[in-house]
Amino acid sequence: MNKKGFTIIEIVLVIALIGILATISLPVYKKTAAHYSLITAARMIASDIRLAQQRSITESRSYRLLFNTGSDNYQLLSVSNKSEINYLPKGIKIIRTNFTDKTVSFLPSGAPSQGGRVVIENKFGGRRYIIVTPATGRVRISDKPPD
């Protein structure tokens, strides 16, 4: 007799093996996903800082970003008090900034009112630093605290 197929024991063993492998790999996947969310959030903030700078230049008026520390959002504000609230990816928080009043402003020339940094963190403690250089307004992202 030539039977084709699998026995119930073989199927159960394969399912158990898949379950064990999934259990082992899940924490690694979560940490990797949180790392990429952190990088995405840092790029998003840097991009919006550059956007505020460009709008200041093209519209010849001041723009500012208000960072809500301890939360997952920040605001892009114009002189006319129009506000755009931007939310960070899930699990990412703004933990600290050294900008006065948690705000970086750009003059109509595109120059920042001050230099400083914004620190964001994921739920695993990974951090990224978004740094604005004083005179030039250069925006960069670092995984190490600035000097």
Protein backbone atom coordinates (compact mmCIF):
# COMPACT_ATOMS: atom_id res chain seq x y z
CA MET A 1 0.00 0.00 0.00
CA ASN A 2 1.44 3.35 -1.07
CA LYS A 3 -0.01 6.21 1.03
CA LYS A 4 0.81 9.78 0.15
CA GLY A 5 0.61 12.56 2.72
CA PHE A 6 1.73 13.39 6.22
CA THR A 7 0.84 11.87 9.55
CA ILE A 8 -0.69 13.99 12.28
CA ILE A 9 2.52 13.65 14.32
CA GLU A 10 4.58 15.14 11.50
CA ILE A 11 2.19 18.06 11.09
CA VAL A 12 2.16 18.78 14.85
CA LEU A 13 5.96 18.69 15.00
CA VAL A 14 6.29 21.14 12.10
CA ILE A 15 3.75 23.53 13.66
CA ALA A 16 5.55 23.31 17.04
CA LEU A 17 8.88 24.02 15.37
CA ILE A 18 7.45 27.06 13.56
CA GLY A 19 6.01 28.31 16.87
CA ILE A 20 9.33 27.97 18.65
CA LEU A 21 11.19 29.81 15.89
CA ALA A 22 8.59 32.59 15.87
CA THR A 23 8.86 32.97 19.66
CA ILE A 24 12.63 33.26 19.46
CA SER A 25 12.64 35.77 16.60
CA LEU A 26 9.82 38.06 17.80
CA PRO A 27 11.90 40.13 20.29
CA VAL A 28 14.58 40.66 17.65
CA TYR A 29 11.94 41.80 15.15
CA LYS A 30 10.39 44.24 17.64
CA LYS A 31 13.74 45.82 18.45
CA THR A 32 14.63 46.14 14.76
CA ALA A 33 11.24 47.69 13.96
CA ALA A 34 11.64 50.18 16.84
CA HIS A 35 15.13 51.09 15.55
CA TYR A 36 13.79 51.84 12.07
CA SER A 37 10.89 53.84 13.52
CA LEU A 38 13.43 55.93 15.43
CA ILE A 39 15.43 56.61 12.27
CA THR A 40 12.23 57.49 10.40
CA ALA A 41 11.15 59.90 13.15
CA ALA A 42 14.57 61.62 13.19
CA ARG A 43 14.44 62.09 9.42
CA MET A 44 10.90 63.40 9.66
CA ILE A 45 11.85 66.05 12.26
CA ALA A 46 14.98 67.06 10.32
CA SER A 47 12.92 67.37 7.15
CA ASP A 48 10.32 69.56 8.87
CA ILE A 49 13.04 71.79 10.35
CA ARG A 50 14.41 72.24 6.82
CA LEU A 51 10.87 72.88 5.55
CA ALA A 52 10.36 75.67 8.12
CA GLN A 53 13.69 77.17 7.08
CA GLN A 54 12.77 77.05 3.38
CA ARG A 55 9.31 78.51 3.97
CA SER A 56 10.89 81.35 5.95
CA ILE A 57 13.10 82.18 2.99
CA THR A 58 10.51 81.82 0.21
CA GLU A 59 7.66 83.57 2.04
CA SER A 60 9.89 86.19 3.76
CA ARG A 61 8.38 85.59 7.16
CA SER A 62 9.29 83.73 10.29
CA TYR A 63 8.40 80.12 10.94
CA ARG A 64 8.99 78.13 14.09
CA LEU A 65 8.76 74.60 15.38
CA LEU A 66 7.45 73.90 18.87
CA PHE A 67 8.59 70.58 20.33
CA ASN A 68 6.23 69.04 22.88
CA THR A 69 8.63 67.17 25.17
CA GLY A 70 7.32 64.00 26.74
CA SER A 71 4.92 63.48 23.85
CA ASP A 72 4.89 62.13 20.32
CA ASN A 73 4.20 65.38 18.44
CA TYR A 74 5.52 68.78 17.48
CA GLN A 75 4.02 71.81 15.75
CA LEU A 76 5.05 73.88 12.74
CA LEU A 77 3.84 77.45 13.32
CA SER A 78 3.81 80.49 11.06
CA VAL A 79 3.64 84.17 12.03
CA SER A 80 -0.09 84.10 11.33
CA ASN A 81 -0.33 81.32 13.98
CA LYS A 82 -1.33 78.67 11.47
CA SER A 83 -0.38 75.39 13.05
CA GLU A 84 0.45 71.99 11.60
CA ILE A 85 0.69 69.23 14.20
CA ASN A 86 3.01 66.39 13.21
CA TYR A 87 2.94 63.04 14.99
CA LEU A 88 5.92 60.75 15.36
CA PRO A 89 5.69 57.01 14.68
CA LYS A 90 4.22 54.84 17.42
CA GLY A 91 6.61 54.26 20.34
CA ILE A 92 8.77 57.34 19.67
CA LYS A 93 8.80 60.31 22.05
CA ILE A 94 10.51 63.68 22.16
CA ILE A 95 12.34 63.50 25.47
CA ARG A 96 14.36 66.68 25.54
CA THR A 97 15.34 69.84 23.68
CA ASN A 98 17.65 72.68 24.61
CA PHE A 99 15.88 75.29 22.47
CA THR A 100 14.55 78.21 24.50
CA ASP A 101 10.81 77.68 25.15
CA LYS A 102 11.17 74.34 23.28
CA THR A 103 11.01 76.34 20.04
CA VAL A 104 13.36 76.87 17.12
CA SER A 105 12.52 79.89 14.95
CA PHE A 106 13.76 80.83 11.51
CA LEU A 107 14.10 84.43 10.42
CA PRO A 108 12.99 85.50 6.93
CA SER A 109 16.64 85.13 5.88
CA GLY A 110 16.50 81.43 6.81
CA ALA A 111 18.88 81.83 9.74
CA PRO A 112 17.82 80.11 12.96
CA SER A 113 17.20 82.20 16.06
CA GLN A 114 19.53 79.83 17.90
CA GLY A 115 21.27 76.51 17.58
CA GLY A 116 20.30 73.50 19.58
CA ARG A 117 19.11 69.93 19.54
CA VAL A 118 16.08 67.72 19.92
CA VAL A 119 16.43 64.27 21.49
CA ILE A 120 14.01 61.49 20.58
CA GLU A 121 13.84 58.01 22.07
CA ASN A 122 12.16 54.69 21.31
CA LYS A 123 10.73 52.26 23.88
CA PHE A 124 13.99 50.27 23.97
CA GLY A 125 16.06 53.32 24.97
CA GLY A 126 17.55 53.99 21.53
CA ARG A 127 18.14 57.68 20.93
CA ARG A 128 18.71 60.03 18.02
CA TYR A 129 19.80 63.66 18.19
CA ILE A 130 18.57 66.21 15.65
CA ILE A 131 21.06 69.08 15.74
CA VAL A 132 20.62 72.59 14.32
CA THR A 133 23.87 74.54 13.84
CA PRO A 134 23.61 78.16 15.04
CA ALA A 135 24.74 80.56 12.29
CA THR A 136 24.07 78.44 9.21
CA GLY A 137 20.98 76.50 10.24
CA ARG A 138 22.49 73.21 9.08
CA VAL A 139 20.40 70.28 10.30
CA ARG A 140 21.97 66.91 10.99
CA ILE A 141 21.07 63.65 12.71
CA SER A 142 23.41 61.83 15.06
CA ASP A 143 23.26 58.72 17.20
CA LYS A 144 25.76 60.30 19.62
CA PRO A 145 25.15 63.38 21.77
CA PRO A 146 26.75 66.51 20.32
CA ASP A 147 29.81 67.95 22.04
